[in-house]
Amino acid sequence: MAAVIELFHDRDDAYRFRLKTPDGTVIAVSKPFPDKAAAVAGIRAVRECAGTGLITDLCLPRPHTAGAPRRPVGPAIN
């Protein structure tokens, strides 16, 4: 089942949209848009880019804690 995109007004009466998983978990909220047309254009841009977006891993390596099992490291994320 696909995610759901909800268009709504925020507390400041700006337009925003949120991306929800099929079970209702909110996984992303947009910036505020001044009008509905701009918010819909933002939704279109997300739909076009999300599936092909590159992932940039900005996480710093964590030091290994003595006695803790090491987790296997998967392939690099680009």
N, C-alpha and C. Protein backbone atom coordinates (compact mmCIF):
# COMPACT_ATOMS: atom_id res chain seq x y z
N MET A 1 0.84 -1.18 0.00
CA MET A 1 0.00 0.00 0.00
C MET A 1 0.89 1.25 0.00
N ALA A 2 0.47 2.25 -0.69
CA ALA A 2 1.26 3.48 -0.84
C ALA A 2 1.08 4.41 0.36
N ALA A 3 2.03 5.30 0.50
CA ALA A 3 1.95 6.34 1.53
C ALA A 3 0.80 7.29 1.19
N VAL A 4 0.43 8.10 2.18
CA VAL A 4 -0.64 9.08 2.01
C VAL A 4 -0.03 10.47 2.16
N ILE A 5 -0.41 11.39 1.31
CA ILE A 5 0.01 12.79 1.44
C ILE A 5 -1.21 13.60 1.82
N GLU A 6 -1.12 14.29 2.95
CA GLU A 6 -2.23 15.12 3.43
C GLU A 6 -1.85 16.59 3.30
N LEU A 7 -2.71 17.37 2.70
CA LEU A 7 -2.55 18.81 2.57
C LEU A 7 -3.36 19.45 3.70
N PHE A 8 -2.75 20.39 4.44
CA PHE A 8 -3.46 20.98 5.58
C PHE A 8 -2.98 22.40 5.84
N HIS A 9 -3.73 23.13 6.69
CA HIS A 9 -3.33 24.45 7.17
C HIS A 9 -2.63 24.28 8.51
N ASP A 10 -1.51 24.98 8.70
CA ASP A 10 -0.85 24.93 10.00
C ASP A 10 -1.41 26.02 10.92
N ARG A 11 -0.82 26.16 12.11
CA ARG A 11 -1.32 27.15 13.08
C ARG A 11 -1.24 28.58 12.57
N ASP A 12 -0.30 28.85 11.65
CA ASP A 12 -0.14 30.20 11.11
C ASP A 12 -0.95 30.40 9.84
N ASP A 13 -1.84 29.45 9.52
CA ASP A 13 -2.71 29.48 8.35
C ASP A 13 -1.95 29.35 7.03
N ALA A 14 -0.73 28.81 7.09
CA ALA A 14 0.01 28.51 5.86
C ALA A 14 -0.37 27.10 5.42
N TYR A 15 -0.13 26.80 4.17
CA TYR A 15 -0.38 25.46 3.64
C TYR A 15 0.86 24.60 3.87
N ARG A 16 0.64 23.37 4.27
CA ARG A 16 1.70 22.38 4.43
C ARG A 16 1.16 21.04 3.96
N PHE A 17 2.08 20.11 3.76
CA PHE A 17 1.64 18.74 3.53
C PHE A 17 2.51 17.81 4.37
N ARG A 18 1.94 16.65 4.70
CA ARG A 18 2.68 15.65 5.45
C ARG A 18 2.57 14.32 4.74
N LEU A 19 3.62 13.54 4.84
CA LEU A 19 3.69 12.21 4.26
C LEU A 19 3.49 11.21 5.39
N LYS A 20 2.51 10.32 5.22
CA LYS A 20 2.19 9.34 6.25
C LYS A 20 2.30 7.93 5.67
N THR A 21 2.76 7.02 6.50
CA THR A 21 2.81 5.61 6.12
C THR A 21 1.39 5.06 6.13
N PRO A 22 1.18 3.89 5.54
CA PRO A 22 -0.16 3.31 5.55
C PRO A 22 -0.74 3.10 6.96
N ASP A 23 0.13 2.95 7.98
CA ASP A 23 -0.40 2.78 9.34
C ASP A 23 -0.62 4.11 10.05
N GLY A 24 -0.41 5.24 9.36
CA GLY A 24 -0.69 6.56 9.92
C GLY A 24 0.49 7.28 10.55
N THR A 25 1.67 6.69 10.53
CA THR A 25 2.85 7.34 11.09
C THR A 25 3.30 8.47 10.16
N VAL A 26 3.48 9.66 10.73
CA VAL A 26 3.96 10.81 9.96
C VAL A 26 5.47 10.66 9.80
N ILE A 27 5.95 10.66 8.55
CA ILE A 27 7.39 10.50 8.33
C ILE A 27 8.03 11.75 7.73
N ALA A 28 7.22 12.71 7.30
CA ALA A 28 7.78 13.97 6.80
C ALA A 28 6.70 15.04 6.82
N VAL A 29 7.13 16.28 7.10
CA VAL A 29 6.24 17.44 7.05
C VAL A 29 6.94 18.51 6.22
N SER A 30 6.20 19.12 5.34
CA SER A 30 6.78 20.12 4.45
C SER A 30 7.03 21.44 5.15
N LYS A 31 7.72 22.30 4.45
CA LYS A 31 7.85 23.69 4.87
C LYS A 31 6.50 24.37 4.67
N PRO A 32 6.30 25.56 5.22
CA PRO A 32 5.05 26.27 4.96
C PRO A 32 5.05 26.88 3.55
N PHE A 33 3.89 26.85 2.92
CA PHE A 33 3.71 27.46 1.60
C PHE A 33 2.68 28.57 1.71
N PRO A 34 2.84 29.64 0.92
CA PRO A 34 1.92 30.78 1.03
C PRO A 34 0.53 30.52 0.46
N ASP A 35 0.43 29.58 -0.48
CA ASP A 35 -0.88 29.29 -1.07
C ASP A 35 -0.97 27.83 -1.47
N LYS A 36 -2.18 27.41 -1.79
CA LYS A 36 -2.43 26.01 -2.09
C LYS A 36 -1.69 25.56 -3.36
N ALA A 37 -1.63 26.42 -4.36
CA ALA A 37 -0.95 26.06 -5.61
C ALA A 37 0.53 25.77 -5.36
N ALA A 38 1.16 26.56 -4.52
CA ALA A 38 2.58 26.34 -4.20
C ALA A 38 2.77 25.02 -3.44
N ALA A 39 1.85 24.71 -2.54
CA ALA A 39 1.94 23.45 -1.79
C ALA A 39 1.76 22.26 -2.72
N VAL A 40 0.82 22.36 -3.64
CA VAL A 40 0.60 21.27 -4.61
C VAL A 40 1.83 21.10 -5.50
N ALA A 41 2.46 22.20 -5.88
CA ALA A 41 3.71 22.11 -6.66
C ALA A 41 4.80 21.41 -5.83
N GLY A 42 4.84 21.68 -4.53
CA GLY A 42 5.79 21.01 -3.65
C GLY A 42 5.53 19.51 -3.58
N ILE A 43 4.26 19.13 -3.53
CA ILE A 43 3.90 17.71 -3.54
C ILE A 43 4.36 17.06 -4.83
N ARG A 44 4.14 17.72 -5.94
CA ARG A 44 4.58 17.18 -7.25
C ARG A 44 6.09 16.99 -7.27
N ALA A 45 6.82 17.95 -6.74
CA ALA A 45 8.28 17.85 -6.72
C ALA A 45 8.73 16.67 -5.86
N VAL A 46 8.09 16.47 -4.72
CA VAL A 46 8.44 15.33 -3.86
C VAL A 46 8.16 14.03 -4.59
N ARG A 47 7.02 13.95 -5.24
CA ARG A 47 6.67 12.72 -5.97
C ARG A 47 7.70 12.41 -7.06
N GLU A 48 8.19 13.43 -7.74
CA GLU A 48 9.16 13.23 -8.81
C GLU A 48 10.54 12.85 -8.28
N CYS A 49 10.94 13.44 -7.17
CA CYS A 49 12.32 13.28 -6.69
C CYS A 49 12.51 12.18 -5.65
N ALA A 50 11.50 11.86 -4.88
CA ALA A 50 11.69 10.98 -3.73
C ALA A 50 12.21 9.60 -4.11
N GLY A 51 11.68 9.02 -5.15
CA GLY A 51 12.10 7.67 -5.52
C GLY A 51 13.49 7.58 -6.08
N THR A 52 14.01 8.69 -6.57
CA THR A 52 15.33 8.67 -7.20
C THR A 52 16.38 9.47 -6.43
N GLY A 53 15.99 9.97 -5.26
CA GLY A 53 16.90 10.81 -4.49
C GLY A 53 18.10 10.04 -3.98
N LEU A 54 19.25 10.68 -3.98
CA LEU A 54 20.47 10.09 -3.45
C LEU A 54 20.49 10.25 -1.93
N ILE A 55 21.12 9.33 -1.25
CA ILE A 55 21.25 9.39 0.20
C ILE A 55 22.68 9.83 0.52
N THR A 56 22.80 10.86 1.33
CA THR A 56 24.10 11.31 1.81
C THR A 56 24.20 10.97 3.28
N ASP A 57 25.14 10.12 3.64
CA ASP A 57 25.32 9.69 5.02
C ASP A 57 26.22 10.69 5.74
N LEU A 58 25.64 11.47 6.65
CA LEU A 58 26.37 12.47 7.40
C LEU A 58 26.69 12.00 8.82
N CYS A 59 26.43 10.75 9.11
CA CYS A 59 26.68 10.20 10.44
C CYS A 59 28.18 9.96 10.64
N LEU A 60 28.67 10.40 11.79
CA LEU A 60 30.06 10.14 12.13
C LEU A 60 30.17 8.72 12.68
N PRO A 61 31.30 8.06 12.45
CA PRO A 61 31.46 6.72 13.01
C PRO A 61 31.43 6.79 14.53
N ARG A 62 30.79 5.82 15.14
CA ARG A 62 30.74 5.76 16.60
C ARG A 62 31.86 4.87 17.10
N PRO A 63 32.49 5.26 18.21
CA PRO A 63 33.55 4.40 18.75
C PRO A 63 32.97 3.08 19.26
N HIS A 64 33.75 2.03 19.14
CA HIS A 64 33.32 0.72 19.62
C HIS A 64 33.43 0.69 21.14
N THR A 65 32.39 0.19 21.80
CA THR A 65 32.40 0.07 23.25
C THR A 65 32.96 -1.30 23.61
N ALA A 66 33.93 -1.31 24.53
CA ALA A 66 34.56 -2.57 24.93
C ALA A 66 33.51 -3.55 25.44
N GLY A 67 33.59 -4.78 24.99
CA GLY A 67 32.68 -5.81 25.42
C GLY A 67 31.40 -5.90 24.61
N ALA A 68 31.07 -4.87 23.89
CA ALA A 68 29.86 -4.89 23.07
C ALA A 68 30.16 -5.59 21.75
N PRO A 69 29.24 -6.42 21.29
CA PRO A 69 29.48 -7.08 20.00
C PRO A 69 29.49 -6.06 18.87
N ARG A 70 30.36 -6.28 17.92
CA ARG A 70 30.41 -5.38 16.77
C ARG A 70 29.30 -5.75 15.81
N ARG A 71 28.66 -4.72 15.29
CA ARG A 71 27.64 -4.95 14.28
C ARG A 71 28.28 -5.00 12.91
N PRO A 72 27.79 -5.87 12.05
CA PRO A 72 28.34 -5.91 10.70
C PRO A 72 28.03 -4.58 9.99
N VAL A 73 28.95 -4.16 9.19
CA VAL A 73 28.78 -2.92 8.43
C VAL A 73 28.32 -3.29 7.04
N GLY A 74 27.22 -2.68 6.62
CA GLY A 74 26.68 -2.95 5.30
C GLY A 74 27.39 -2.15 4.23
N PRO A 75 26.91 -2.24 3.01
CA PRO A 75 27.52 -1.48 1.91
C PRO A 75 27.39 0.03 2.14
N ALA A 76 28.31 0.75 1.59
CA ALA A 76 28.30 2.22 1.73
C ALA A 76 27.06 2.80 1.06
N ILE A 77 26.54 3.85 1.65
CA ILE A 77 25.39 4.58 1.11
C ILE A 77 25.94 5.82 0.41
N ASN A 78 25.53 6.03 -0.82
CA ASN A 78 26.00 7.21 -1.55
C ASN A 78 24.98 8.29 -1.52
